[in-house]
Amino acid sequence: MMSPRRTYHFRPEGDRLEPGRSGTPVSFAGVLLAPGAVYIAYVGEMRIYRFRGGRLEERTRGFAALDGGVSDGTVSPDALAMLVQHAKAAPRALGCEAAVEMKTQVENTEPGDVFLVCSGGLWSAVAERRITGILAAHRELRLAASLLVDCADENGESELVTCILARVADI
């Protein structure tokens, strides 16, 4: 027998969870890659960066209005349809009964683009220039992710560090 679904609310007085309250604080960020395009979705304090041509660009703050090639036709209709279809599953995957107001965008990708999905434990503890240096110096994403987490740890963030890297395949 399955237990009933519960929602939780963080109380301002501390980190104790209280069942049955709505307004659950949610943090989520994800990228969904398709041929020539990426669908970006996020809510809360997670961030997504794109590393391209030696430059690190944050894609989650102030970029939600970007069109990213959708209206000019550079993202194929098939790729866009596939991205939208799969992206609708994100709120359900978070266990949300009601729609979560995620910010989303679709952008073009280039071979070799690296996307970094990370929590505040990383972006608040490690300077963007350091993240850029690590991504530029290490093509092996597993090593780069490990070094980024180590940097966060060295800067006092020993818990709650999320660091996920994905590279667009070279053609």
N, C-alpha and C. Protein backbone atom coordinates (compact mmCIF):
# COMPACT_ATOMS: atom_id res chain seq x y z
N MET A 1 0.84 -1.18 0.00
CA MET A 1 0.00 0.00 0.00
C MET A 1 0.88 1.24 0.00
N MET A 2 0.57 2.16 -0.86
CA MET A 2 1.36 3.38 -0.96
C MET A 2 0.91 4.38 0.09
N SER A 3 1.87 5.10 0.65
CA SER A 3 1.51 6.14 1.62
C SER A 3 1.00 7.36 0.89
N PRO A 4 0.12 8.15 1.53
CA PRO A 4 -0.42 9.34 0.86
C PRO A 4 0.69 10.35 0.62
N ARG A 5 0.56 11.09 -0.46
CA ARG A 5 1.53 12.14 -0.79
C ARG A 5 1.41 13.27 0.20
N ARG A 6 2.54 13.76 0.68
CA ARG A 6 2.57 14.87 1.61
C ARG A 6 3.39 16.00 1.02
N THR A 7 3.01 17.19 1.35
CA THR A 7 3.83 18.34 1.01
C THR A 7 4.45 18.86 2.29
N TYR A 8 5.58 19.50 2.19
CA TYR A 8 6.29 20.00 3.35
C TYR A 8 6.58 21.48 3.20
N HIS A 9 6.65 22.14 4.33
CA HIS A 9 6.92 23.58 4.34
C HIS A 9 8.05 23.82 5.34
N PHE A 10 9.07 24.59 4.93
CA PHE A 10 10.14 24.94 5.84
C PHE A 10 9.68 26.06 6.74
N ARG A 11 9.80 25.87 8.03
CA ARG A 11 9.40 26.89 9.00
C ARG A 11 10.52 27.90 9.14
N PRO A 12 10.21 29.19 9.20
CA PRO A 12 11.23 30.22 9.31
C PRO A 12 12.10 30.09 10.55
N GLU A 13 11.56 29.48 11.63
CA GLU A 13 12.32 29.38 12.87
C GLU A 13 13.47 28.39 12.78
N GLY A 14 13.49 27.55 11.81
CA GLY A 14 14.55 26.56 11.72
C GLY A 14 14.36 25.67 10.52
N ASP A 15 15.02 24.54 10.55
CA ASP A 15 14.96 23.67 9.39
C ASP A 15 14.00 22.49 9.59
N ARG A 16 13.18 22.52 10.62
CA ARG A 16 12.22 21.45 10.85
C ARG A 16 11.12 21.46 9.78
N LEU A 17 10.77 20.30 9.31
CA LEU A 17 9.72 20.18 8.30
C LEU A 17 8.38 19.95 8.97
N GLU A 18 7.36 20.54 8.41
CA GLU A 18 6.01 20.40 8.95
C GLU A 18 5.12 19.84 7.84
N PRO A 19 4.60 18.60 8.03
CA PRO A 19 3.78 18.00 6.97
C PRO A 19 2.46 18.73 6.77
N GLY A 20 1.96 18.62 5.52
CA GLY A 20 0.63 19.09 5.23
C GLY A 20 0.50 20.55 4.86
N ARG A 21 1.55 21.31 4.85
CA ARG A 21 1.48 22.72 4.49
C ARG A 21 1.86 22.89 3.03
N SER A 22 1.23 23.84 2.38
CA SER A 22 1.60 24.13 1.00
C SER A 22 2.70 25.17 0.97
N GLY A 23 3.18 25.51 -0.21
CA GLY A 23 4.23 26.51 -0.33
C GLY A 23 5.61 25.92 -0.19
N THR A 24 5.76 24.67 -0.56
CA THR A 24 7.05 24.00 -0.44
C THR A 24 8.11 24.76 -1.23
N PRO A 25 9.21 25.10 -0.60
CA PRO A 25 10.28 25.73 -1.36
C PRO A 25 10.92 24.69 -2.28
N VAL A 26 11.01 25.01 -3.53
CA VAL A 26 11.53 24.08 -4.52
C VAL A 26 12.70 24.72 -5.23
N SER A 27 13.77 23.96 -5.40
CA SER A 27 14.88 24.38 -6.25
C SER A 27 15.11 23.28 -7.26
N PHE A 28 15.19 23.66 -8.50
CA PHE A 28 15.41 22.70 -9.58
C PHE A 28 16.06 23.44 -10.73
N ALA A 29 16.97 22.78 -11.38
CA ALA A 29 17.53 23.29 -12.63
C ALA A 29 17.89 22.09 -13.48
N GLY A 30 17.61 22.20 -14.75
CA GLY A 30 17.94 21.10 -15.64
C GLY A 30 18.10 21.57 -17.07
N VAL A 31 18.86 20.80 -17.80
CA VAL A 31 19.03 21.03 -19.23
C VAL A 31 18.63 19.75 -19.95
N LEU A 32 17.95 19.92 -21.05
CA LEU A 32 17.57 18.80 -21.88
C LEU A 32 18.11 19.08 -23.27
N LEU A 33 19.04 18.24 -23.69
CA LEU A 33 19.71 18.47 -24.98
C LEU A 33 19.01 17.73 -26.10
N ALA A 34 18.89 18.39 -27.23
CA ALA A 34 18.38 17.82 -28.48
C ALA A 34 19.34 18.25 -29.57
N PRO A 35 19.26 17.67 -30.75
CA PRO A 35 20.18 18.07 -31.81
C PRO A 35 20.10 19.58 -32.09
N GLY A 36 21.17 20.29 -31.78
CA GLY A 36 21.26 21.71 -32.07
C GLY A 36 20.57 22.64 -31.09
N ALA A 37 19.97 22.10 -30.02
CA ALA A 37 19.21 22.95 -29.11
C ALA A 37 19.29 22.42 -27.68
N VAL A 38 19.02 23.31 -26.75
CA VAL A 38 18.93 22.94 -25.34
C VAL A 38 17.69 23.60 -24.76
N TYR A 39 16.97 22.85 -23.94
CA TYR A 39 15.84 23.38 -23.19
C TYR A 39 16.35 23.56 -21.77
N ILE A 40 16.22 24.76 -21.24
CA ILE A 40 16.68 25.09 -19.90
C ILE A 40 15.45 25.38 -19.04
N ALA A 41 15.38 24.75 -17.88
CA ALA A 41 14.29 25.00 -16.94
C ALA A 41 14.89 25.15 -15.55
N TYR A 42 14.37 26.12 -14.79
CA TYR A 42 14.89 26.31 -13.44
C TYR A 42 13.88 27.04 -12.57
N VAL A 43 14.01 26.81 -11.28
CA VAL A 43 13.23 27.49 -10.28
C VAL A 43 14.06 27.48 -9.00
N GLY A 44 13.98 28.51 -8.22
CA GLY A 44 14.72 28.56 -6.97
C GLY A 44 16.14 29.04 -7.14
N GLU A 45 17.01 28.54 -6.29
CA GLU A 45 18.38 29.05 -6.22
C GLU A 45 19.41 28.26 -7.02
N MET A 46 18.96 27.39 -7.87
CA MET A 46 19.88 26.67 -8.74
C MET A 46 20.27 27.57 -9.91
N ARG A 47 21.44 27.31 -10.46
CA ARG A 47 21.88 28.07 -11.63
C ARG A 47 22.38 27.14 -12.72
N ILE A 48 22.32 27.65 -13.94
CA ILE A 48 22.85 26.95 -15.10
C ILE A 48 23.78 27.90 -15.81
N TYR A 49 24.97 27.41 -16.13
CA TYR A 49 25.96 28.17 -16.88
C TYR A 49 26.27 27.43 -18.17
N ARG A 50 26.65 28.20 -19.19
CA ARG A 50 27.15 27.62 -20.44
C ARG A 50 28.59 28.06 -20.60
N PHE A 51 29.47 27.08 -20.86
CA PHE A 51 30.88 27.36 -21.13
C PHE A 51 31.10 27.13 -22.62
N ARG A 52 31.43 28.22 -23.32
CA ARG A 52 31.61 28.16 -24.77
C ARG A 52 32.77 29.07 -25.15
N GLY A 53 33.70 28.53 -25.93
CA GLY A 53 34.80 29.34 -26.43
C GLY A 53 35.62 30.02 -25.34
N GLY A 54 35.77 29.33 -24.20
CA GLY A 54 36.56 29.89 -23.12
C GLY A 54 35.82 30.88 -22.23
N ARG A 55 34.52 31.08 -22.48
CA ARG A 55 33.72 32.03 -21.68
C ARG A 55 32.62 31.30 -20.94
N LEU A 56 32.43 31.69 -19.69
CA LEU A 56 31.36 31.16 -18.86
C LEU A 56 30.24 32.17 -18.82
N GLU A 57 29.03 31.75 -19.18
CA GLU A 57 27.87 32.65 -19.17
C GLU A 57 26.75 32.03 -18.36
N GLU A 58 26.26 32.78 -17.39
CA GLU A 58 25.12 32.31 -16.62
C GLU A 58 23.88 32.40 -17.51
N ARG A 59 23.09 31.33 -17.51
CA ARG A 59 21.91 31.27 -18.37
C ARG A 59 20.61 31.36 -17.59
N THR A 60 20.67 31.50 -16.26
CA THR A 60 19.46 31.44 -15.47
C THR A 60 19.07 32.75 -14.79
N ARG A 61 19.85 33.76 -14.82
CA ARG A 61 19.48 35.03 -14.19
C ARG A 61 19.42 36.10 -15.27
N GLY A 62 18.22 36.63 -15.49
CA GLY A 62 18.05 37.69 -16.46
C GLY A 62 18.03 37.23 -17.90
N PHE A 63 18.00 35.91 -18.13
CA PHE A 63 18.00 35.41 -19.50
C PHE A 63 16.68 34.78 -19.90
N ALA A 64 15.70 34.77 -19.00
CA ALA A 64 14.45 34.06 -19.27
C ALA A 64 13.71 34.60 -20.49
N ALA A 65 13.94 35.85 -20.85
CA ALA A 65 13.24 36.41 -22.00
C ALA A 65 13.96 36.11 -23.31
N LEU A 66 15.12 35.49 -23.25
CA LEU A 66 15.85 35.20 -24.48
C LEU A 66 15.07 34.23 -25.36
N ASP A 67 15.11 34.49 -26.61
CA ASP A 67 14.43 33.64 -27.58
C ASP A 67 15.32 32.49 -27.99
N GLY A 68 16.61 32.71 -28.08
CA GLY A 68 17.56 31.65 -28.35
C GLY A 68 17.42 30.96 -29.68
N GLY A 69 16.85 31.58 -30.67
CA GLY A 69 16.78 30.98 -31.99
C GLY A 69 15.46 30.33 -32.31
N VAL A 70 14.50 30.41 -31.40
CA VAL A 70 13.24 29.74 -31.65
C VAL A 70 12.46 30.43 -32.77
N SER A 71 12.30 31.74 -32.69
CA SER A 71 11.48 32.42 -33.68
C SER A 71 12.17 32.58 -35.03
N ASP A 72 13.50 32.56 -35.05
CA ASP A 72 14.17 32.72 -36.34
C ASP A 72 14.32 31.40 -37.10
N GLY A 73 13.82 30.31 -36.50
CA GLY A 73 13.79 29.04 -37.20
C GLY A 73 15.07 28.24 -37.12
N THR A 74 16.06 28.67 -36.35
CA THR A 74 17.31 27.92 -36.30
C THR A 74 17.22 26.70 -35.41
N VAL A 75 16.21 26.62 -34.54
CA VAL A 75 15.93 25.39 -33.80
C VAL A 75 14.86 24.66 -34.59
N SER A 76 15.14 23.42 -34.98
CA SER A 76 14.20 22.69 -35.82
C SER A 76 12.88 22.47 -35.08
N PRO A 77 11.77 22.48 -35.81
CA PRO A 77 10.46 22.23 -35.18
C PRO A 77 10.41 20.87 -34.47
N ASP A 78 11.07 19.85 -35.05
CA ASP A 78 11.07 18.53 -34.42
C ASP A 78 11.81 18.56 -33.09
N ALA A 79 12.97 19.23 -33.06
CA ALA A 79 13.75 19.32 -31.82
C ALA A 79 12.97 20.10 -30.77
N LEU A 80 12.34 21.19 -31.18
CA LEU A 80 11.57 22.00 -30.24
C LEU A 80 10.38 21.21 -29.68
N ALA A 81 9.68 20.48 -30.53
CA ALA A 81 8.53 19.69 -30.07
C ALA A 81 8.97 18.62 -29.09
N MET A 82 10.10 17.96 -29.37
CA MET A 82 10.60 16.93 -28.47
C MET A 82 10.99 17.53 -27.13
N LEU A 83 11.65 18.68 -27.15
CA LEU A 83 12.07 19.33 -25.91
C LEU A 83 10.86 19.71 -25.06
N VAL A 84 9.87 20.33 -25.67
CA VAL A 84 8.69 20.77 -24.93
C VAL A 84 7.94 19.57 -24.35
N GLN A 85 7.80 18.51 -25.12
CA GLN A 85 7.10 17.32 -24.65
C GLN A 85 7.78 16.74 -23.41
N HIS A 86 9.08 16.58 -23.46
CA HIS A 86 9.80 16.00 -22.32
C HIS A 86 9.89 16.96 -21.15
N ALA A 87 9.97 18.24 -21.42
CA ALA A 87 10.11 19.21 -20.34
C ALA A 87 8.87 19.33 -19.48
N LYS A 88 7.71 19.00 -20.03
CA LYS A 88 6.47 19.07 -19.24
C LYS A 88 6.49 18.10 -18.07
N ALA A 89 7.37 17.12 -18.12
CA ALA A 89 7.45 16.14 -17.04
C ALA A 89 8.20 16.67 -15.83
N ALA A 90 8.93 17.76 -15.95
CA ALA A 90 9.77 18.25 -14.84
C ALA A 90 8.98 18.54 -13.57
N PRO A 91 7.87 19.28 -13.60
CA PRO A 91 7.14 19.50 -12.34
C PRO A 91 6.63 18.21 -11.71
N ARG A 92 6.18 17.27 -12.54
CA ARG A 92 5.73 15.99 -11.99
C ARG A 92 6.89 15.23 -11.36
N ALA A 93 8.07 15.31 -11.97
CA ALA A 93 9.24 14.63 -11.43
C ALA A 93 9.64 15.22 -10.08
N LEU A 94 9.33 16.48 -9.85
CA LEU A 94 9.61 17.12 -8.57
C LEU A 94 8.59 16.74 -7.51
N GLY A 95 7.53 16.04 -7.92
CA GLY A 95 6.48 15.65 -6.98
C GLY A 95 5.48 16.74 -6.73
N CYS A 96 5.37 17.67 -7.65
CA CYS A 96 4.46 18.81 -7.47
C CYS A 96 3.08 18.46 -8.00
N GLU A 97 2.08 18.67 -7.16
CA GLU A 97 0.72 18.44 -7.60
C GLU A 97 0.23 19.58 -8.47
N ALA A 98 0.57 20.79 -8.10
CA ALA A 98 0.19 21.96 -8.88
C ALA A 98 1.39 22.39 -9.73
N ALA A 99 1.12 23.17 -10.73
CA ALA A 99 2.20 23.63 -11.60
C ALA A 99 3.16 24.52 -10.83
N VAL A 100 4.42 24.27 -11.03
CA VAL A 100 5.47 25.11 -10.46
C VAL A 100 5.82 26.13 -11.53
N GLU A 101 5.97 27.37 -11.15
CA GLU A 101 6.29 28.41 -12.12
C GLU A 101 7.78 28.40 -12.42
N MET A 102 8.16 27.51 -13.32
CA MET A 102 9.55 27.42 -13.73
C MET A 102 9.82 28.42 -14.83
N LYS A 103 11.02 28.95 -14.82
CA LYS A 103 11.47 29.78 -15.92
C LYS A 103 12.11 28.84 -16.93
N THR A 104 11.77 29.05 -18.20
CA THR A 104 12.26 28.16 -19.23
C THR A 104 12.72 28.95 -20.44
N GLN A 105 13.60 28.35 -21.20
CA GLN A 105 14.04 28.93 -22.46
C GLN A 105 14.64 27.83 -23.33
N VAL A 106 14.62 28.07 -24.61
CA VAL A 106 15.24 27.18 -25.58
C VAL A 106 16.31 27.98 -26.30
N GLU A 107 17.49 27.39 -26.40
CA GLU A 107 18.60 28.07 -27.05
C GLU A 107 19.29 27.13 -28.03
N ASN A 108 19.99 27.71 -28.98
CA ASN A 108 20.84 26.94 -29.87
C ASN A 108 22.07 26.47 -29.11
N THR A 109 22.60 25.35 -29.52
CA THR A 109 23.86 24.86 -28.98
C THR A 109 24.88 24.76 -30.08
N GLU A 110 26.13 24.69 -29.67
CA GLU A 110 27.23 24.45 -30.60
C GLU A 110 28.01 23.25 -30.10
N PRO A 111 28.60 22.48 -31.02
CA PRO A 111 29.42 21.35 -30.57
C PRO A 111 30.49 21.83 -29.58
N GLY A 112 30.63 21.08 -28.49
CA GLY A 112 31.62 21.43 -27.48
C GLY A 112 31.09 22.28 -26.34
N ASP A 113 29.88 22.85 -26.47
CA ASP A 113 29.30 23.61 -25.36
C ASP A 113 29.25 22.71 -24.12
N VAL A 114 29.59 23.29 -22.98
CA VAL A 114 29.48 22.58 -21.70
C VAL A 114 28.46 23.32 -20.86
N PHE A 115 27.51 22.58 -20.30
CA PHE A 115 26.51 23.15 -19.41
C PHE A 115 26.81 22.69 -17.99
N LEU A 116 26.79 23.66 -17.07
CA LEU A 116 27.01 23.40 -15.65
C LEU A 116 25.72 23.71 -14.91
N VAL A 117 25.19 22.72 -14.23
CA VAL A 117 24.03 22.90 -13.36
C VAL A 117 24.57 22.83 -11.94
N CYS A 118 24.30 23.89 -11.15
CA CYS A 118 24.90 23.90 -9.81
C CYS A 118 24.02 24.59 -8.79
N SER A 119 24.25 24.23 -7.55
CA SER A 119 23.54 24.81 -6.42
C SER A 119 24.31 26.01 -5.88
N GLY A 120 23.66 26.73 -4.97
CA GLY A 120 24.31 27.86 -4.32
C GLY A 120 25.56 27.48 -3.57
N GLY A 121 25.65 26.22 -3.15
CA GLY A 121 26.86 25.75 -2.48
C GLY A 121 28.08 25.86 -3.36
N LEU A 122 27.89 25.83 -4.68
CA LEU A 122 29.02 25.99 -5.60
C LEU A 122 29.15 27.45 -6.04
N TRP A 123 28.07 28.02 -6.60
CA TRP A 123 28.22 29.36 -7.18
C TRP A 123 28.47 30.44 -6.15
N SER A 124 28.09 30.23 -4.89
CA SER A 124 28.37 31.24 -3.86
C SER A 124 29.77 31.10 -3.29
N ALA A 125 30.36 29.91 -3.42
CA ALA A 125 31.66 29.65 -2.81
C ALA A 125 32.83 29.73 -3.80
N VAL A 126 32.56 29.57 -5.07
CA VAL A 126 33.64 29.53 -6.07
C VAL A 126 33.41 30.65 -7.08
N ALA A 127 34.41 31.49 -7.24
CA ALA A 127 34.32 32.62 -8.17
C ALA A 127 34.18 32.12 -9.61
N GLU A 128 33.42 32.88 -10.41
CA GLU A 128 33.21 32.49 -11.81
C GLU A 128 34.53 32.36 -12.57
N ARG A 129 35.51 33.19 -12.26
CA ARG A 129 36.80 33.08 -12.96
C ARG A 129 37.49 31.76 -12.64
N ARG A 130 37.29 31.25 -11.42
CA ARG A 130 37.86 29.95 -11.03
C ARG A 130 37.12 28.82 -11.74
N ILE A 131 35.81 28.91 -11.81
CA ILE A 131 35.03 27.91 -12.54
C ILE A 131 35.48 27.88 -14.00
N THR A 132 35.63 29.06 -14.59
CA THR A 132 36.08 29.16 -15.98
C THR A 132 37.44 28.50 -16.16
N GLY A 133 38.35 28.78 -15.25
CA GLY A 133 39.70 28.21 -15.34
C GLY A 133 39.69 26.70 -15.28
N ILE A 134 38.88 26.14 -14.40
CA ILE A 134 38.81 24.68 -14.28
C ILE A 134 38.21 24.07 -15.53
N LEU A 135 37.13 24.66 -16.05
CA LEU A 135 36.51 24.11 -17.26
C LEU A 135 37.43 24.24 -18.47
N ALA A 136 38.20 25.31 -18.53
CA ALA A 136 39.13 25.50 -19.65
C ALA A 136 40.30 24.52 -19.58
N ALA A 137 40.73 24.19 -18.38
CA ALA A 137 41.92 23.35 -18.21
C ALA A 137 41.64 21.85 -18.26
N HIS A 138 40.39 21.45 -18.05
CA HIS A 138 40.09 20.02 -17.90
C HIS A 138 38.93 19.62 -18.80
N ARG A 139 39.24 18.93 -19.88
CA ARG A 139 38.20 18.47 -20.80
C ARG A 139 37.39 17.31 -20.18
N GLU A 140 38.01 16.51 -19.33
CA GLU A 140 37.34 15.40 -18.67
C GLU A 140 36.35 15.96 -17.64
N LEU A 141 35.06 15.83 -17.91
CA LEU A 141 34.04 16.45 -17.08
C LEU A 141 33.98 15.88 -15.66
N ARG A 142 34.26 14.61 -15.51
CA ARG A 142 34.24 14.02 -14.17
C ARG A 142 35.32 14.67 -13.30
N LEU A 143 36.50 14.88 -13.85
CA LEU A 143 37.58 15.54 -13.11
C LEU A 143 37.23 17.00 -12.82
N ALA A 144 36.69 17.70 -13.81
CA ALA A 144 36.32 19.11 -13.62
C ALA A 144 35.27 19.24 -12.52
N ALA A 145 34.26 18.37 -12.51
CA ALA A 145 33.23 18.42 -11.48
C ALA A 145 33.82 18.17 -10.10
N SER A 146 34.71 17.20 -10.01
CA SER A 146 35.36 16.90 -8.74
C SER A 146 36.17 18.08 -8.24
N LEU A 147 36.90 18.74 -9.13
CA LEU A 147 37.69 19.91 -8.75
C LEU A 147 36.80 21.07 -8.31
N LEU A 148 35.68 21.26 -8.98
CA LEU A 148 34.77 22.34 -8.58
C LEU A 148 34.20 22.10 -7.19
N VAL A 149 33.81 20.87 -6.90
CA VAL A 149 33.31 20.55 -5.57
C VAL A 149 34.41 20.72 -4.53
N ASP A 150 35.64 20.31 -4.87
CA ASP A 150 36.78 20.50 -3.95
C ASP A 150 37.00 21.99 -3.67
N CYS A 151 36.87 22.83 -4.69
CA CYS A 151 37.03 24.28 -4.49
C CYS A 151 35.97 24.83 -3.54
N ALA A 152 34.73 24.37 -3.70
CA ALA A 152 33.67 24.81 -2.81
C ALA A 152 33.98 24.38 -1.38
N ASP A 153 34.47 23.16 -1.23
CA ASP A 153 34.83 22.65 0.09
C ASP A 153 35.97 23.47 0.70
N GLU A 154 36.98 23.80 -0.09
CA GLU A 154 38.10 24.62 0.38
C GLU A 154 37.66 26.00 0.83
N ASN A 155 36.57 26.49 0.23
CA ASN A 155 36.05 27.82 0.58
C ASN A 155 34.97 27.75 1.65
N GLY A 156 34.89 26.64 2.36
CA GLY A 156 34.00 26.55 3.51
C GLY A 156 32.64 25.95 3.24
N GLU A 157 32.35 25.55 2.04
CA GLU A 157 31.04 24.96 1.72
C GLU A 157 31.21 23.44 1.68
N SER A 158 31.06 22.81 2.83
CA SER A 158 31.32 21.37 2.91
C SER A 158 30.08 20.52 2.64
N GLU A 159 28.91 21.14 2.60
CA GLU A 159 27.68 20.39 2.34
C GLU A 159 26.85 21.11 1.28
N LEU A 160 25.86 20.41 0.78
CA LEU A 160 24.88 20.99 -0.13
C LEU A 160 25.49 21.57 -1.41
N VAL A 161 26.41 20.85 -1.99
CA VAL A 161 27.00 21.28 -3.25
C VAL A 161 26.53 20.33 -4.35
N THR A 162 25.86 20.92 -5.33
CA THR A 162 25.45 20.16 -6.51
C THR A 162 26.24 20.69 -7.68
N CYS A 163 26.82 19.77 -8.46
CA CYS A 163 27.62 20.16 -9.62
C CYS A 163 27.44 19.08 -10.68
N ILE A 164 26.76 19.44 -11.76
CA ILE A 164 26.52 18.52 -12.86
C ILE A 164 27.01 19.18 -14.13
N LEU A 165 27.80 18.44 -14.91
CA LEU A 165 28.33 18.95 -16.17
C LEU A 165 27.87 18.06 -17.32
N ALA A 166 27.55 18.69 -18.45
CA ALA A 166 27.18 17.95 -19.66
C ALA A 166 27.77 18.69 -20.86
N ARG A 167 28.29 17.93 -21.82
CA ARG A 167 28.88 18.52 -23.02
C ARG A 167 28.07 18.14 -24.25
N VAL A 168 27.87 19.11 -25.12
CA VAL A 168 27.24 18.87 -26.41
C VAL A 168 28.27 18.15 -27.28
N ALA A 169 27.87 17.03 -27.85
CA ALA A 169 28.80 16.20 -28.62
C ALA A 169 29.35 16.95 -29.83
N ASP A 170 30.63 16.68 -30.09
CA ASP A 170 31.23 17.19 -31.32
C ASP A 170 30.69 16.39 -32.49
N ILE A 171 30.43 17.08 -33.58
CA ILE A 171 29.87 16.40 -34.75
C ILE A 171 30.97 15.76 -35.55
